[in-house]
């Protein structure tokens, strides 16, 4: 007897959730025509990736920062209309942003 059967025995009146698990929440981030700039710097001897140039709403850019940090399991922050990600993740971030639909430009190497 698996877990579903046990739960059905405990809660016979409960209806199953009909929303498929593969369906992710849709992002309503505004897509711009101008490219987002992705660059690499070293601050205090440690590598960071900087994403800037988004002209949309700050809340959209903050949610994009949160998605990037969660997807790549790294630390980072959102300050002064830029996303700062700890480490050199330029290639991975650029590929992810292109998959979403952004136009991305690599700066500095």
PDB file of N, CA and C in Angstrom:
ATOM      1  N   UNK A   1       0.857  -1.170   0.000  1.00  0.00           N
ATOM      2  CA  UNK A   1       0.000   0.000   0.000  1.00  0.00           C
ATOM      3  C   UNK A   1       0.904   1.234   0.000  1.00  0.00           C
ATOM      4  N   UNK A   2       0.731   2.093  -1.002  1.00  0.00           N
ATOM      5  CA  UNK A   2       1.559   3.288  -1.061  1.00  0.00           C
ATOM      6  C   UNK A   2       0.909   4.434  -0.286  1.00  0.00           C
ATOM      7  N   UNK A   3       1.576   5.562  -0.291  1.00  0.00           N
ATOM      8  CA  UNK A   3       1.151   6.710   0.502  1.00  0.00           C
ATOM      9  C   UNK A   3      -0.212   7.242   0.055  1.00  0.00           C
ATOM     10  N   UNK A   4      -0.468   7.251  -1.248  1.00  0.00           N
ATOM     11  CA  UNK A   4      -1.761   7.740  -1.736  1.00  0.00           C
ATOM     12  C   UNK A   4      -2.913   6.891  -1.212  1.00  0.00           C
ATOM     13  N   UNK A   5      -2.728   5.591  -1.221  1.00  0.00           N
ATOM     14  CA  UNK A   5      -3.779   4.704  -0.725  1.00  0.00           C
ATOM     15  C   UNK A   5      -4.019   4.906   0.765  1.00  0.00           C
ATOM     16  N   UNK A   6      -2.942   5.105   1.509  1.00  0.00           N
ATOM     17  CA  UNK A   6      -3.083   5.342   2.945  1.00  0.00           C
ATOM     18  C   UNK A   6      -3.811   6.652   3.216  1.00  0.00           C
ATOM     19  N   UNK A   7      -3.488   7.683   2.430  1.00  0.00           N
ATOM     20  CA  UNK A   7      -4.169   8.968   2.605  1.00  0.00           C
ATOM     21  C   UNK A   7      -5.642   8.875   2.221  1.00  0.00           C
ATOM     22  N   UNK A   8      -5.959   8.079   1.195  1.00  0.00           N
ATOM     23  CA  UNK A   8      -7.362   7.900   0.808  1.00  0.00           C
ATOM     24  C   UNK A   8      -8.137   7.198   1.921  1.00  0.00           C
ATOM     25  N   UNK A   9      -7.490   6.268   2.603  1.00  0.00           N
ATOM     26  CA  UNK A   9      -8.152   5.587   3.712  1.00  0.00           C
ATOM     27  C   UNK A   9      -8.386   6.530   4.889  1.00  0.00           C
ATOM     28  N   UNK A  10      -7.427   7.421   5.125  1.00  0.00           N
ATOM     29  CA  UNK A  10      -7.555   8.365   6.243  1.00  0.00           C
ATOM     30  C   UNK A  10      -8.550   9.484   5.946  1.00  0.00           C
ATOM     31  N   UNK A  11      -8.534   9.973   4.689  1.00  0.00           N
ATOM     32  CA  UNK A  11      -9.387  11.094   4.299  1.00  0.00           C
ATOM     33  C   UNK A  11     -10.197  10.718   3.062  1.00  0.00           C
ATOM     34  N   UNK A  12     -11.284   9.975   3.223  1.00  0.00           N
ATOM     35  CA  UNK A  12     -12.042   9.504   2.056  1.00  0.00           C
ATOM     36  C   UNK A  12     -12.776  10.621   1.318  1.00  0.00           C
ATOM     37  N   UNK A  13     -13.077  11.726   1.975  1.00  0.00           N
ATOM     38  CA  UNK A  13     -13.832  12.795   1.327  1.00  0.00           C
ATOM     39  C   UNK A  13     -12.951  13.783   0.567  1.00  0.00           C
ATOM     40  N   UNK A  14     -11.650  13.650   0.700  1.00  0.00           N
ATOM     41  CA  UNK A  14     -10.725  14.607   0.079  1.00  0.00           C
ATOM     42  C   UNK A  14     -10.638  14.380  -1.430  1.00  0.00           C
ATOM     43  N   UNK A  15     -10.720  15.465  -2.203  1.00  0.00           N
ATOM     44  CA  UNK A  15     -10.592  15.380  -3.654  1.00  0.00           C
ATOM     45  C   UNK A  15      -9.135  15.622  -4.038  1.00  0.00           C
ATOM     46  N   UNK A  16      -8.649  14.886  -5.040  1.00  0.00           N
ATOM     47  CA  UNK A  16      -7.265  15.034  -5.479  1.00  0.00           C
ATOM     48  C   UNK A  16      -7.076  16.344  -6.212  1.00  0.00           C
ATOM     49  N   UNK A  17      -5.857  16.859  -6.121  1.00  0.00           N
ATOM     50  CA  UNK A  17      -5.497  18.076  -6.830  1.00  0.00           C
ATOM     51  C   UNK A  17      -5.361  17.754  -8.313  1.00  0.00           C
ATOM     52  N   UNK A  18      -6.070  18.480  -9.164  1.00  0.00           N
ATOM     53  CA  UNK A  18      -6.069  18.177 -10.587  1.00  0.00           C
ATOM     54  C   UNK A  18      -5.054  19.001 -11.365  1.00  0.00           C
ATOM     55  N   UNK A  19      -4.301  19.879 -10.712  1.00  0.00           N
ATOM     56  CA  UNK A  19      -3.295  20.690 -11.390  1.00  0.00           C
ATOM     57  C   UNK A  19      -2.045  19.844 -11.570  1.00  0.00           C
ATOM     58  N   UNK A  20      -1.538  19.708 -12.799  1.00  0.00           N
ATOM     59  CA  UNK A  20      -0.335  18.903 -12.999  1.00  0.00           C
ATOM     60  C   UNK A  20       0.883  19.554 -12.348  1.00  0.00           C
ATOM     61  N   UNK A  21       1.774  18.721 -11.826  1.00  0.00           N
ATOM     62  CA  UNK A  21       2.952  19.238 -11.142  1.00  0.00           C
ATOM     63  C   UNK A  21       3.943  19.877 -12.095  1.00  0.00           C
ATOM     64  N   UNK A  22       3.958  19.457 -13.353  1.00  0.00           N
ATOM     65  CA  UNK A  22       4.926  19.993 -14.302  1.00  0.00           C
ATOM     66  C   UNK A  22       4.600  21.422 -14.714  1.00  0.00           C
ATOM     67  N   UNK A  23       3.405  21.866 -14.441  1.00  0.00           N
ATOM     68  CA  UNK A  23       3.011  23.218 -14.813  1.00  0.00           C
ATOM     69  C   UNK A  23       3.626  24.208 -13.834  1.00  0.00           C
ATOM     70  N   UNK A  24       4.556  25.023 -14.327  1.00  0.00           N
ATOM     71  CA  UNK A  24       5.211  26.003 -13.476  1.00  0.00           C
ATOM     72  C   UNK A  24       4.446  27.314 -13.551  1.00  0.00           C
ATOM     73  N   UNK A  25       4.729  28.174 -12.589  1.00  0.00           N
ATOM     74  CA  UNK A  25       4.072  29.470 -12.618  1.00  0.00           C
ATOM     75  C   UNK A  25       4.609  30.277 -13.793  1.00  0.00           C
ATOM     76  N   UNK A  26       3.728  30.974 -14.441  1.00  0.00           N
ATOM     77  CA  UNK A  26       4.149  31.751 -15.592  1.00  0.00           C
ATOM     78  C   UNK A  26       4.754  33.071 -15.120  1.00  0.00           C
ATOM     79  N   UNK A  27       5.863  33.413 -15.727  1.00  0.00           N
ATOM     80  CA  UNK A  27       6.517  34.658 -15.362  1.00  0.00           C
ATOM     81  C   UNK A  27       5.953  35.762 -16.225  1.00  0.00           C
ATOM     82  N   UNK A  28       5.606  36.839 -15.608  1.00  0.00           N
ATOM     83  CA  UNK A  28       5.064  37.978 -16.331  1.00  0.00           C
ATOM     84  C   UNK A  28       6.090  39.103 -16.351  1.00  0.00           C
ATOM     85  N   UNK A  29       7.338  38.743 -16.618  1.00  0.00           N
ATOM     86  CA  UNK A  29       8.412  39.730 -16.682  1.00  0.00           C
ATOM     87  C   UNK A  29       8.347  40.410 -18.033  1.00  0.00           C
ATOM     88  N   UNK A  30       8.480  41.724 -18.025  1.00  0.00           N
ATOM     89  CA  UNK A  30       8.433  42.506 -19.247  1.00  0.00           C
ATOM     90  C   UNK A  30       9.704  42.249 -20.044  1.00  0.00           C
ATOM     91  N   UNK A  31       9.545  41.863 -21.315  1.00  0.00           N
ATOM     92  CA  UNK A  31      10.685  41.605 -22.195  1.00  0.00           C
ATOM     93  C   UNK A  31      11.006  42.876 -22.968  1.00  0.00           C
ATOM     94  N   UNK A  32      12.262  43.263 -22.926  1.00  0.00           N
ATOM     95  CA  UNK A  32      12.680  44.488 -23.600  1.00  0.00           C
ATOM     96  C   UNK A  32      13.421  44.150 -24.880  1.00  0.00           C
ATOM     97  N   UNK A  33      13.506  45.131 -25.795  1.00  0.00           N
ATOM     98  CA  UNK A  33      14.209  44.922 -27.054  1.00  0.00           C
ATOM     99  C   UNK A  33      15.714  45.128 -26.892  1.00  0.00           C
ATOM    100  N   UNK A  34      16.116  46.082 -26.068  1.00  0.00           N
ATOM    101  CA  UNK A  34      17.537  46.352 -25.844  1.00  0.00           C
ATOM    102  C   UNK A  34      18.155  45.195 -25.057  1.00  0.00           C
ATOM    103  N   UNK A  35      19.419  44.882 -25.321  1.00  0.00           N
ATOM    104  CA  UNK A  35      20.024  43.732 -24.634  1.00  0.00           C
ATOM    105  C   UNK A  35      20.326  44.014 -23.163  1.00  0.00           C
ATOM    106  N   UNK A  36      20.244  42.976 -22.366  1.00  0.00           N
ATOM    107  CA  UNK A  36      20.677  43.033 -20.977  1.00  0.00           C
ATOM    108  C   UNK A  36      22.179  42.763 -20.975  1.00  0.00           C
ATOM    109  N   UNK A  37      22.928  43.530 -20.206  1.00  0.00           N
ATOM    110  CA  UNK A  37      24.381  43.406 -20.179  1.00  0.00           C
ATOM    111  C   UNK A  37      24.785  42.460 -19.054  1.00  0.00           C
ATOM    112  N   UNK A  38      25.622  41.490 -19.398  1.00  0.00           N
ATOM    113  CA  UNK A  38      26.122  40.513 -18.433  1.00  0.00           C
ATOM    114  C   UNK A  38      27.637  40.628 -18.418  1.00  0.00           C
ATOM    115  N   UNK A  39      28.210  41.010 -17.279  1.00  0.00           N
ATOM    116  CA  UNK A  39      29.658  41.183 -17.218  1.00  0.00           C
ATOM    117  C   UNK A  39      30.246  40.553 -15.969  1.00  0.00           C
ATOM    118  N   UNK A  40      31.558  40.418 -15.985  1.00  0.00           N
ATOM    119  CA  UNK A  40      32.311  39.735 -14.942  1.00  0.00           C
ATOM    120  C   UNK A  40      33.281  40.733 -14.315  1.00  0.00           C
ATOM    121  N   UNK A  41      33.355  40.710 -12.995  1.00  0.00           N
ATOM    122  CA  UNK A  41      34.300  41.562 -12.265  1.00  0.00           C
ATOM    123  C   UNK A  41      34.867  40.784 -11.099  1.00  0.00           C
ATOM    124  N   UNK A  42      35.936  41.314 -10.552  1.00  0.00           N
ATOM    125  CA  UNK A  42      36.475  40.797  -9.297  1.00  0.00           C
ATOM    126  C   UNK A  42      36.419  41.924  -8.283  1.00  0.00           C
ATOM    127  N   UNK A  43      35.804  41.631  -7.161  1.00  0.00           N
ATOM    128  CA  UNK A  43      35.740  42.599  -6.061  1.00  0.00           C
ATOM    129  C   UNK A  43      36.321  41.934  -4.830  1.00  0.00           C
ATOM    130  N   UNK A  44      37.318  42.581  -4.275  1.00  0.00           N
ATOM    131  CA  UNK A  44      38.030  42.054  -3.107  1.00  0.00           C
ATOM    132  C   UNK A  44      38.580  40.655  -3.396  1.00  0.00           C
ATOM    133  N   UNK A  45      39.020  40.439  -4.628  1.00  0.00           N
ATOM    134  CA  UNK A  45      39.627  39.183  -5.012  1.00  0.00           C
ATOM    135  C   UNK A  45      38.664  38.065  -5.320  1.00  0.00           C
ATOM    136  N   UNK A  46      37.374  38.318  -5.242  1.00  0.00           N
ATOM    137  CA  UNK A  46      36.381  37.277  -5.482  1.00  0.00           C
ATOM    138  C   UNK A  46      35.587  37.591  -6.755  1.00  0.00           C
ATOM    139  N   UNK A  47      35.317  36.568  -7.577  1.00  0.00           N
ATOM    140  CA  UNK A  47      34.599  36.803  -8.830  1.00  0.00           C
ATOM    141  C   UNK A  47      33.106  37.021  -8.604  1.00  0.00           C
ATOM    142  N   UNK A  48      32.548  37.950  -9.378  1.00  0.00           N
ATOM    143  CA  UNK A  48      31.100  38.183  -9.363  1.00  0.00           C
ATOM    144  C   UNK A  48      30.611  38.376 -10.792  1.00  0.00           C
ATOM    145  N   UNK A  49      29.364  38.080 -11.013  1.00  0.00           N
ATOM    146  CA  UNK A  49      28.706  38.305 -12.291  1.00  0.00           C
ATOM    147  C   UNK A  49      27.682  39.410 -12.089  1.00  0.00           C
ATOM    148  N   UNK A  50      27.714  40.409 -12.965  1.00  0.00           N
ATOM    149  CA  UNK A  50      26.810  41.556 -12.847  1.00  0.00           C
ATOM    150  C   UNK A  50      25.879  41.575 -14.053  1.00  0.00           C
ATOM    151  N   UNK A  51      24.592  41.727 -13.783  1.00  0.00           N
ATOM    152  CA  UNK A  51      23.575  41.829 -14.829  1.00  0.00           C
ATOM    153  C   UNK A  51      22.914  43.194 -14.672  1.00  0.00           C
ATOM    154  N   UNK A  52      22.925  43.958 -15.749  1.00  0.00           N
ATOM    155  CA  UNK A  52      22.342  45.302 -15.691  1.00  0.00           C
ATOM    156  C   UNK A  52      21.761  45.654 -17.048  1.00  0.00           C
ATOM    157  N   UNK A  53      21.058  46.777 -17.084  1.00  0.00           N
ATOM    158  CA  UNK A  53      20.496  47.261 -18.331  1.00  0.00           C
ATOM    159  C   UNK A  53      19.025  46.940 -18.524  1.00  0.00           C
ATOM    160  N   UNK A  54      18.335  46.479 -17.476  1.00  0.00           N
ATOM    161  CA  UNK A  54      16.903  46.183 -17.590  1.00  0.00           C
ATOM    162  C   UNK A  54      16.124  47.472 -17.397  1.00  0.00           C
ATOM    163  N   UNK A  55      15.230  47.767 -18.319  1.00  0.00           N
ATOM    164  CA  UNK A  55      14.496  49.030 -18.269  1.00  0.00           C
ATOM    165  C   UNK A  55      13.069  48.877 -17.759  1.00  0.00           C
ATOM    166  N   UNK A  56      12.702  47.687 -17.351  1.00  0.00           N
ATOM    167  CA  UNK A  56      11.346  47.443 -16.861  1.00  0.00           C
ATOM    168  C   UNK A  56      11.192  47.809 -15.395  1.00  0.00           C
ATOM    169  N   UNK A  57      10.188  47.243 -14.776  1.00  0.00           N
ATOM    170  CA  UNK A  57       9.862  47.498 -13.380  1.00  0.00           C
ATOM    171  C   UNK A  57      10.895  46.855 -12.458  1.00  0.00           C
ATOM    172  N   UNK A  58      11.198  47.513 -11.332  1.00  0.00           N
ATOM    173  CA  UNK A  58      12.161  46.984 -10.372  1.00  0.00           C
ATOM    174  C   UNK A  58      11.701  45.665  -9.773  1.00  0.00           C
ATOM    175  N   UNK A  59      10.396  45.509  -9.555  1.00  0.00           N
ATOM    176  CA  UNK A  59       9.883  44.261  -8.982  1.00  0.00           C
ATOM    177  C   UNK A  59      10.132  43.078  -9.917  1.00  0.00           C
ATOM    178  N   UNK A  60      10.012  43.307 -11.234  1.00  0.00           N
ATOM    179  CA  UNK A  60      10.296  42.243 -12.198  1.00  0.00           C
ATOM    180  C   UNK A  60      11.762  41.849 -12.151  1.00  0.00           C
ATOM    181  N   UNK A  61      12.636  42.850 -12.055  1.00  0.00           N
ATOM    182  CA  UNK A  61      14.075  42.580 -12.019  1.00  0.00           C
ATOM    183  C   UNK A  61      14.463  41.884 -10.717  1.00  0.00           C
ATOM    184  N   UNK A  62      13.793  42.244  -9.619  1.00  0.00           N
ATOM    185  CA  UNK A  62      14.038  41.569  -8.340  1.00  0.00           C
ATOM    186  C   UNK A  62      13.603  40.112  -8.411  1.00  0.00           C
ATOM    187  N   UNK A  63      12.475  39.853  -9.039  1.00  0.00           N
ATOM    188  CA  UNK A  63      12.024  38.462  -9.158  1.00  0.00           C
ATOM    189  C   UNK A  63      12.948  37.671 -10.082  1.00  0.00           C
ATOM    190  N   UNK A  64      13.509  38.322 -11.104  1.00  0.00           N
ATOM    191  CA  UNK A  64      14.486  37.657 -11.956  1.00  0.00           C
ATOM    192  C   UNK A  64      15.744  37.328 -11.161  1.00  0.00           C
ATOM    193  N   UNK A  65      16.172  38.233 -10.287  1.00  0.00           N
ATOM    194  CA  UNK A  65      17.330  37.974  -9.432  1.00  0.00           C
ATOM    195  C   UNK A  65      17.064  36.779  -8.521  1.00  0.00           C
ATOM    196  N   UNK A  66      15.885  36.730  -7.961  1.00  0.00           N
ATOM    197  CA  UNK A  66      15.523  35.617  -7.083  1.00  0.00           C
ATOM    198  C   UNK A  66      15.523  34.298  -7.851  1.00  0.00           C
ATOM    199  N   UNK A  67      14.985  34.303  -9.074  1.00  0.00           N
ATOM    200  CA  UNK A  67      14.969  33.097  -9.897  1.00  0.00           C
ATOM    201  C   UNK A  67      16.383  32.638 -10.241  1.00  0.00           C
ATOM    202  N   UNK A  68      17.260  33.582 -10.575  1.00  0.00           N
ATOM    203  CA  UNK A  68      18.637  33.227 -10.913  1.00  0.00           C
ATOM    204  C   UNK A  68      19.366  32.628  -9.715  1.00  0.00           C
ATOM    205  N   UNK A  69      19.184  33.233  -8.552  1.00  0.00           N
ATOM    206  CA  UNK A  69      19.853  32.724  -7.355  1.00  0.00           C
ATOM    207  C   UNK A  69      19.350  31.328  -7.001  1.00  0.00           C
ATOM    208  N   UNK A  70      18.061  31.118  -7.163  1.00  0.00           N
ATOM    209  CA  UNK A  70      17.492  29.811  -6.845  1.00  0.00           C
ATOM    210  C   UNK A  70      17.914  28.764  -7.872  1.00  0.00           C
ATOM    211  N   UNK A  71      17.917  29.124  -9.152  1.00  0.00           N
ATOM    212  CA  UNK A  71      18.252  28.169 -10.206  1.00  0.00           C
ATOM    213  C   UNK A  71      19.695  27.700 -10.101  1.00  0.00           C
ATOM    214  N   UNK A  72      20.627  28.610  -9.824  1.00  0.00           N
ATOM    215  CA  UNK A  72      22.040  28.262  -9.793  1.00  0.00           C
ATOM    216  C   UNK A  72      22.567  28.022  -8.380  1.00  0.00           C
ATOM    217  N   UNK A  73      21.716  28.102  -7.390  1.00  0.00           N
ATOM    218  CA  UNK A  73      22.076  27.842  -5.986  1.00  0.00           C
ATOM    219  C   UNK A  73      23.280  28.662  -5.548  1.00  0.00           C
ATOM    220  N   UNK A  74      23.189  29.957  -5.787  1.00  0.00           N
ATOM    221  CA  UNK A  74      24.274  30.862  -5.417  1.00  0.00           C
ATOM    222  C   UNK A  74      23.710  32.045  -4.646  1.00  0.00           C
ATOM    223  N   UNK A  75      24.583  32.786  -4.031  1.00  0.00           N
ATOM    224  CA  UNK A  75      24.190  34.005  -3.343  1.00  0.00           C
ATOM    225  C   UNK A  75      24.242  35.173  -4.296  1.00  0.00           C
ATOM    226  N   UNK A  76      23.623  36.240  -3.887  1.00  0.00           N
ATOM    227  CA  UNK A  76      23.628  37.437  -4.717  1.00  0.00           C
ATOM    228  C   UNK A  76      22.724  38.489  -4.124  1.00  0.00           C
ATOM    229  N   UNK A  77      22.621  39.606  -4.835  1.00  0.00           N
ATOM    230  CA  UNK A  77      21.781  40.690  -4.345  1.00  0.00           C
ATOM    231  C   UNK A  77      21.286  41.533  -5.514  1.00  0.00           C
ATOM    232  N   UNK A  78      20.341  42.407  -5.210  1.00  0.00           N
ATOM    233  CA  UNK A  78      19.810  43.358  -6.169  1.00  0.00           C
ATOM    234  C   UNK A  78      20.038  44.745  -5.585  1.00  0.00           C
ATOM    235  N   UNK A  79      20.888  45.542  -6.229  1.00  0.00           N
ATOM    236  CA  UNK A  79      21.187  46.894  -5.750  1.00  0.00           C
ATOM    237  C   UNK A  79      21.343  47.822  -6.939  1.00  0.00           C
ATOM    238  N   UNK A  80      20.784  49.010  -6.827  1.00  0.00           N
ATOM    239  CA  UNK A  80      20.970  50.078  -7.821  1.00  0.00           C
ATOM    240  C   UNK A  80      20.730  49.607  -9.252  1.00  0.00           C
ATOM    241  N   UNK A  81      19.613  48.950  -9.479  1.00  0.00           N
ATOM    242  CA  UNK A  81      19.218  48.462 -10.802  1.00  0.00           C
ATOM    243  C   UNK A  81      20.221  47.484 -11.403  1.00  0.00           C
ATOM    244  N   UNK A  82      20.946  46.735 -10.580  1.00  0.00           N
ATOM    245  CA  UNK A  82      21.840  45.685 -11.052  1.00  0.00           C
ATOM    246  C   UNK A  82      21.645  44.437 -10.195  1.00  0.00           C
ATOM    247  N   UNK A  83      21.858  43.294 -10.816  1.00  0.00           N
ATOM    248  CA  UNK A  83      21.844  42.029 -10.093  1.00  0.00           C
ATOM    249  C   UNK A  83      23.295  41.593  -9.948  1.00  0.00           C
ATOM    250  N   UNK A  84      23.704  41.297  -8.721  1.00  0.00           N
ATOM    251  CA  UNK A  84      25.061  40.845  -8.455  1.00  0.00           C
ATOM    252  C   UNK A  84      24.977  39.392  -7.996  1.00  0.00           C
ATOM    253  N   UNK A  85      25.611  38.492  -8.756  1.00  0.00           N
ATOM    254  CA  UNK A  85      25.624  37.069  -8.451  1.00  0.00           C
ATOM    255  C   UNK A  85      27.049  36.683  -8.061  1.00  0.00           C
ATOM    256  N   UNK A  86      27.190  35.953  -6.970  1.00  0.00           N
ATOM    257  CA  UNK A  86      28.511  35.532  -6.514  1.00  0.00           C
ATOM    258  C   UNK A  86      29.034  34.423  -7.413  1.00  0.00           C
ATOM    259  N   UNK A  87      30.236  34.618  -7.951  1.00  0.00           N
ATOM    260  CA  UNK A  87      30.862  33.619  -8.805  1.00  0.00           C
ATOM    261  C   UNK A  87      30.767  33.988 -10.272  1.00  0.00           C
ATOM    262  N   UNK A  88      31.520  33.259 -11.101  1.00  0.00           N
ATOM    263  CA  UNK A  88      31.527  33.487 -12.543  1.00  0.00           C
ATOM    264  C   UNK A  88      30.522  32.552 -13.202  1.00  0.00           C
ATOM    265  N   UNK A  89      29.307  33.033 -13.400  1.00  0.00           N
ATOM    266  CA  UNK A  89      28.222  32.254 -13.995  1.00  0.00           C
ATOM    267  C   UNK A  89      27.727  32.904 -15.282  1.00  0.00           C
ATOM    268  N   UNK A  90      28.590  33.629 -15.984  1.00  0.00           N
ATOM    269  CA  UNK A  90      28.155  34.360 -17.170  1.00  0.00           C
ATOM    270  C   UNK A  90      27.496  33.459 -18.203  1.00  0.00           C
ATOM    271  N   UNK A  91      28.162  32.360 -18.553  1.00  0.00           N
ATOM    272  CA  UNK A  91      27.634  31.495 -19.612  1.00  0.00           C
ATOM    273  C   UNK A  91      26.296  30.880 -19.228  1.00  0.00           C
ATOM    274  N   UNK A  92      26.189  30.376 -18.011  1.00  0.00           N
ATOM    275  CA  UNK A  92      24.943  29.745 -17.564  1.00  0.00           C
ATOM    276  C   UNK A  92      23.814  30.771 -17.493  1.00  0.00           C
ATOM    277  N   UNK A  93      24.115  31.957 -16.970  1.00  0.00           N
ATOM    278  CA  UNK A  93      23.096  33.001 -16.851  1.00  0.00           C
ATOM    279  C   UNK A  93      22.653  33.473 -18.221  1.00  0.00           C
ATOM    280  N   UNK A  94      23.607  33.647 -19.131  1.00  0.00           N
ATOM    281  CA  UNK A  94      23.250  34.097 -20.478  1.00  0.00           C
ATOM    282  C   UNK A  94      22.371  33.066 -21.183  1.00  0.00           C
ATOM    283  N   UNK A  95      22.690  31.788 -21.038  1.00  0.00           N
ATOM    284  CA  UNK A  95      21.858  30.749 -21.651  1.00  0.00           C
ATOM    285  C   UNK A  95      20.454  30.740 -21.053  1.00  0.00           C
ATOM    286  N   UNK A  96      20.362  30.890 -19.736  1.00  0.00           N
ATOM    287  CA  UNK A  96      19.055  30.905 -19.073  1.00  0.00           C
ATOM    288  C   UNK A  96      18.232  32.110 -19.524  1.00  0.00           C
ATOM    289  N   UNK A  97      18.850  33.284 -19.598  1.00  0.00           N
ATOM    290  CA  UNK A  97      18.124  34.484 -20.021  1.00  0.00           C
ATOM    291  C   UNK A  97      17.669  34.367 -21.479  1.00  0.00           C
ATOM    292  N   UNK A  98      18.481  33.734 -22.319  1.00  0.00           N
ATOM    293  CA  UNK A  98      18.071  33.537 -23.714  1.00  0.00           C
ATOM    294  C   UNK A  98      16.901  32.571 -23.812  1.00  0.00           C
ATOM    295  N   UNK A  99      16.891  31.539 -22.950  1.00  0.00           N
ATOM    296  CA  UNK A  99      15.763  30.603 -22.939  1.00  0.00           C
ATOM    297  C   UNK A  99      14.471  31.297 -22.554  1.00  0.00           C
ATOM    298  N   UNK A 100      14.570  32.237 -21.614  1.00  0.00           N
ATOM    299  CA  UNK A 100      13.386  32.975 -21.176  1.00  0.00           C
ATOM    300  C   UNK A 100      12.891  33.883 -22.300  1.00  0.00           C
ATOM    301  N   UNK A 101      13.821  34.438 -23.099  1.00  0.00           N
ATOM    302  CA  UNK A 101      13.414  35.310 -24.203  1.00  0.00           C
ATOM    303  C   UNK A 101      14.116  36.650 -24.209  1.00  0.00           C
ATOM    304  N   UNK A 102      15.078  36.851 -23.337  1.00  0.00           N
ATOM    305  CA  UNK A 102      15.801  38.113 -23.308  1.00  0.00           C
ATOM    306  C   UNK A 102      16.906  38.125 -24.363  1.00  0.00           C
ATOM    307  N   UNK A 103      17.269  39.325 -24.807  1.00  0.00           N
ATOM    308  CA  UNK A 103      18.419  39.543 -25.651  1.00  0.00           C
ATOM    309  C   UNK A 103      19.574  39.895 -24.717  1.00  0.00           C
ATOM    310  N   UNK A 104      20.685  39.149 -24.759  1.00  0.00           N
ATOM    311  CA  UNK A 104      21.764  39.299 -23.782  1.00  0.00           C
ATOM    312  C   UNK A 104      23.047  39.643 -24.512  1.00  0.00           C
ATOM    313  N   UNK A 105      23.815  40.580 -23.919  1.00  0.00           N
ATOM    314  CA  UNK A 105      25.091  40.976 -24.488  1.00  0.00           C
ATOM    315  C   UNK A 105      26.180  40.732 -23.449  1.00  0.00           C
ATOM    316  N   UNK A 106      27.247  40.051 -23.866  1.00  0.00           N
ATOM    317  CA  UNK A 106      28.361  39.761 -22.977  1.00  0.00           C
ATOM    318  C   UNK A 106      29.377  40.886 -23.052  1.00  0.00           C
ATOM    319  N   UNK A 107      29.813  41.390 -21.897  1.00  0.00           N
ATOM    320  CA  UNK A 107      30.771  42.494 -21.840  1.00  0.00           C
ATOM    321  C   UNK A 107      31.966  42.040 -21.021  1.00  0.00           C
ATOM    322  N   UNK A 108      33.162  42.343 -21.505  1.00  0.00           N
ATOM    323  CA  UNK A 108      34.375  42.088 -20.745  1.00  0.00           C
ATOM    324  C   UNK A 108      34.868  40.666 -20.830  1.00  0.00           C
ATOM    325  N   UNK A 109      35.444  40.294 -21.933  1.00  0.00           N
ATOM    326  CA  UNK A 109      36.105  38.993 -22.064  1.00  0.00           C
ATOM    327  C   UNK A 109      35.239  37.944 -22.534  1.00  0.00           C
TER     328      UNK A 109
END
